[in-house]
């Protein structure tokens, strides 16, 4: 073989500056360490989505609790036994709901951190 002849399976070197590769060929991913383990989005996406939804619900619940707590001190509610009872019950209900939401938030954030640590993310 002469110095200018190339073997049939040789690939010419590409100059990165003048490359005309498509994005499909230029973004080849490395294989995962264990192909049986799901990728990050498959693992974390549902957890992170639930966390986002839960945080929005918590904000709404906190606003409702603040509104009800403010209403308890208003003359309109404090001067009417029935309104006072209803508002007090509503405050207790939203407080219980918030406690459940905080508990789920805590468990969910812990689960996300555990998954991240386990998978080196």
Protein backbone atom coordinates (compact mmCIF):
# COMPACT_ATOMS: atom_id res chain seq x y z
CA UNK A 1 0.00 0.00 0.00
CA UNK A 2 1.34 3.41 -0.87
CA UNK A 3 1.33 6.35 1.51
CA UNK A 4 -1.59 8.01 -0.32
CA UNK A 5 -3.77 4.88 -0.37
CA UNK A 6 -6.28 4.49 2.44
CA UNK A 7 -7.71 1.25 3.74
CA UNK A 8 -11.38 0.64 2.95
CA UNK A 9 -12.50 1.21 6.55
CA UNK A 10 -10.58 4.36 7.36
CA UNK A 11 -12.49 7.46 8.35
CA UNK A 12 -11.07 10.83 7.36
CA UNK A 13 -10.34 13.15 10.26
CA UNK A 14 -12.81 15.98 10.60
CA UNK A 15 -11.89 19.51 11.32
CA UNK A 16 -14.29 20.58 14.11
CA UNK A 17 -14.33 24.16 12.86
CA UNK A 18 -15.51 23.14 9.41
CA UNK A 19 -17.71 20.26 10.43
CA UNK A 20 -21.09 19.97 8.74
CA UNK A 21 -22.40 17.24 11.04
CA UNK A 22 -26.05 17.31 11.93
CA UNK A 23 -27.08 17.75 15.53
CA UNK A 24 -28.19 14.13 15.62
CA UNK A 25 -24.67 12.89 15.00
CA UNK A 26 -22.89 15.52 17.06
CA UNK A 27 -24.85 14.87 20.24
CA UNK A 28 -24.14 11.19 20.68
CA UNK A 29 -24.74 10.22 24.28
CA UNK A 30 -22.47 8.07 26.32
CA UNK A 31 -24.11 4.88 27.53
CA UNK A 32 -25.34 4.81 31.11
CA UNK A 33 -23.26 2.99 33.68
CA UNK A 34 -26.01 0.43 34.12
CA UNK A 35 -28.41 0.28 31.17
CA UNK A 36 -31.11 -1.16 33.43
CA UNK A 37 -31.17 1.98 35.59
CA UNK A 38 -33.56 4.66 34.37
CA UNK A 39 -32.20 8.01 33.29
CA UNK A 40 -32.60 11.06 35.50
CA UNK A 41 -35.79 12.38 33.88
CA UNK A 42 -37.42 8.98 34.21
CA UNK A 43 -36.61 8.84 37.89
CA UNK A 44 -36.95 12.44 39.04
CA UNK A 45 -39.44 13.98 36.63
CA UNK A 46 -42.58 12.60 38.33
CA UNK A 47 -41.24 13.41 41.79
CA UNK A 48 -40.24 16.93 40.81
CA UNK A 49 -43.57 17.47 39.06
CA UNK A 50 -45.47 16.38 42.17
CA UNK A 51 -43.27 18.63 44.30
CA UNK A 52 -44.03 21.64 42.09
CA UNK A 53 -47.77 20.99 42.23
CA UNK A 54 -47.61 20.45 45.99
CA UNK A 55 -45.71 23.71 46.54
CA UNK A 56 -48.41 25.59 44.61
CA UNK A 57 -51.12 23.95 46.74
CA UNK A 58 -49.25 24.81 49.92
CA UNK A 59 -49.04 28.47 48.87
CA UNK A 60 -52.80 28.49 48.21
CA UNK A 61 -53.50 26.78 51.54
CA UNK A 62 -51.29 29.25 53.42
CA UNK A 63 -53.11 32.16 51.79
CA UNK A 64 -56.48 30.66 52.72
CA UNK A 65 -55.31 30.12 56.29
CA UNK A 66 -54.12 33.73 56.55
CA UNK A 67 -57.44 35.01 55.19
CA UNK A 68 -59.42 32.89 57.66
CA UNK A 69 -57.20 33.87 60.58
CA UNK A 70 -57.68 37.54 59.71
CA UNK A 71 -61.43 36.97 59.47
CA UNK A 72 -61.47 35.56 63.01
CA UNK A 73 -60.47 38.94 64.40
CA UNK A 74 -62.97 40.93 62.36
CA UNK A 75 -65.97 42.36 64.15
CA UNK A 76 -68.29 40.78 61.60
CA UNK A 77 -67.13 37.27 62.55
CA UNK A 78 -66.28 37.72 66.22
CA UNK A 79 -69.67 39.32 66.90
CA UNK A 80 -71.65 36.44 65.35
CA UNK A 81 -71.43 33.11 67.17
CA UNK A 82 -72.38 31.06 64.08
CA UNK A 83 -69.85 32.82 61.81
CA UNK A 84 -67.21 32.45 64.51
CA UNK A 85 -67.89 28.71 64.79
CA UNK A 86 -67.81 28.23 61.00
CA UNK A 87 -64.63 30.26 60.59
CA UNK A 88 -62.93 28.47 63.48
CA UNK A 89 -63.84 25.11 61.94
CA UNK A 90 -62.52 26.27 58.57
CA UNK A 91 -59.23 27.38 60.19
CA UNK A 92 -58.88 23.98 61.88
CA UNK A 93 -59.61 22.18 58.61
CA UNK A 94 -57.11 24.20 56.56
CA UNK A 95 -54.50 23.84 59.32
CA UNK A 96 -54.93 20.06 59.22
CA UNK A 97 -54.70 20.08 55.41
CA UNK A 98 -51.54 22.19 55.60
CA UNK A 99 -50.00 19.79 58.12
CA UNK A 100 -50.63 16.90 55.71
CA UNK A 101 -49.18 18.91 52.84
CA UNK A 102 -46.06 19.81 54.85
CA UNK A 103 -45.61 16.14 55.78
CA UNK A 104 -45.87 15.07 52.13
CA UNK A 105 -43.52 17.89 51.07
CA UNK A 106 -40.94 16.72 53.60
CA UNK A 107 -41.18 13.08 52.49
CA UNK A 108 -41.05 14.05 48.82
CA UNK A 109 -37.97 16.27 49.17
CA UNK A 110 -36.25 13.51 51.15
CA UNK A 111 -37.11 10.98 48.43
CA UNK A 112 -35.74 13.28 45.73
CA UNK A 113 -32.49 13.77 47.65
CA UNK A 114 -32.18 10.01 48.19
CA UNK A 115 -32.65 9.32 44.48
CA UNK A 116 -30.11 11.99 43.56
CA UNK A 117 -27.56 10.59 45.99
CA UNK A 118 -28.13 7.01 44.87
CA UNK A 119 -27.64 7.88 41.21
CA UNK A 120 -24.89 10.45 41.68
CA UNK A 121 -27.01 13.32 40.39
